[in-house]
């Protein structure tokens, strides 16, 4: 559940805040 090829992984930013 970690889509690397993403335009803007905002959800990931929230997780890796």
N, C-alpha and C. Protein backbone atom coordinates (compact mmCIF):
# COMPACT_ATOMS: atom_id res chain seq x y z
N UNK A 1 0.85 -1.20 0.00
CA UNK A 1 0.00 0.00 0.00
C UNK A 1 0.89 1.26 0.00
N UNK A 2 1.82 1.26 -0.93
CA UNK A 2 2.73 2.40 -1.01
C UNK A 2 3.02 2.72 -2.47
N UNK A 3 2.10 3.38 -3.13
CA UNK A 3 2.26 3.73 -4.54
C UNK A 3 3.36 4.77 -4.75
N UNK A 4 4.50 4.31 -5.20
CA UNK A 4 5.62 5.22 -5.44
C UNK A 4 5.34 6.20 -6.57
N UNK A 5 4.94 5.69 -7.74
CA UNK A 5 4.67 6.57 -8.89
C UNK A 5 3.39 7.38 -8.69
N UNK A 6 3.44 8.36 -7.81
CA UNK A 6 2.25 9.17 -7.55
C UNK A 6 2.57 10.64 -7.77
N UNK A 7 1.62 11.41 -8.26
CA UNK A 7 1.80 12.83 -8.53
C UNK A 7 2.02 13.62 -7.24
N UNK A 8 1.22 13.30 -6.24
CA UNK A 8 1.35 13.99 -4.97
C UNK A 8 0.79 13.11 -3.84
N UNK A 9 1.65 12.24 -3.29
CA UNK A 9 1.23 11.34 -2.21
C UNK A 9 0.97 12.10 -0.93
N UNK A 10 -0.10 12.88 -0.94
CA UNK A 10 -0.44 13.68 0.25
C UNK A 10 -0.72 12.77 1.44
N UNK A 11 -1.33 11.63 1.17
CA UNK A 11 -1.63 10.69 2.26
C UNK A 11 -0.33 10.21 2.89
N UNK A 12 0.68 10.08 2.01
CA UNK A 12 1.97 9.63 2.49
C UNK A 12 2.64 10.73 3.33
N UNK A 13 2.43 11.95 2.91
CA UNK A 13 2.99 13.08 3.64
C UNK A 13 2.37 13.15 5.04
N UNK A 14 1.09 12.83 5.09
CA UNK A 14 0.40 12.86 6.38
C UNK A 14 0.96 11.79 7.32
N UNK A 15 1.32 10.66 6.68
CA UNK A 15 1.87 9.56 7.47
C UNK A 15 3.32 9.85 7.86
N UNK A 16 4.02 10.46 6.91
CA UNK A 16 5.43 10.77 7.16
C UNK A 16 5.59 12.24 7.51
N UNK A 17 4.68 12.71 8.31
CA UNK A 17 4.71 14.12 8.66
C UNK A 17 5.88 14.39 9.61
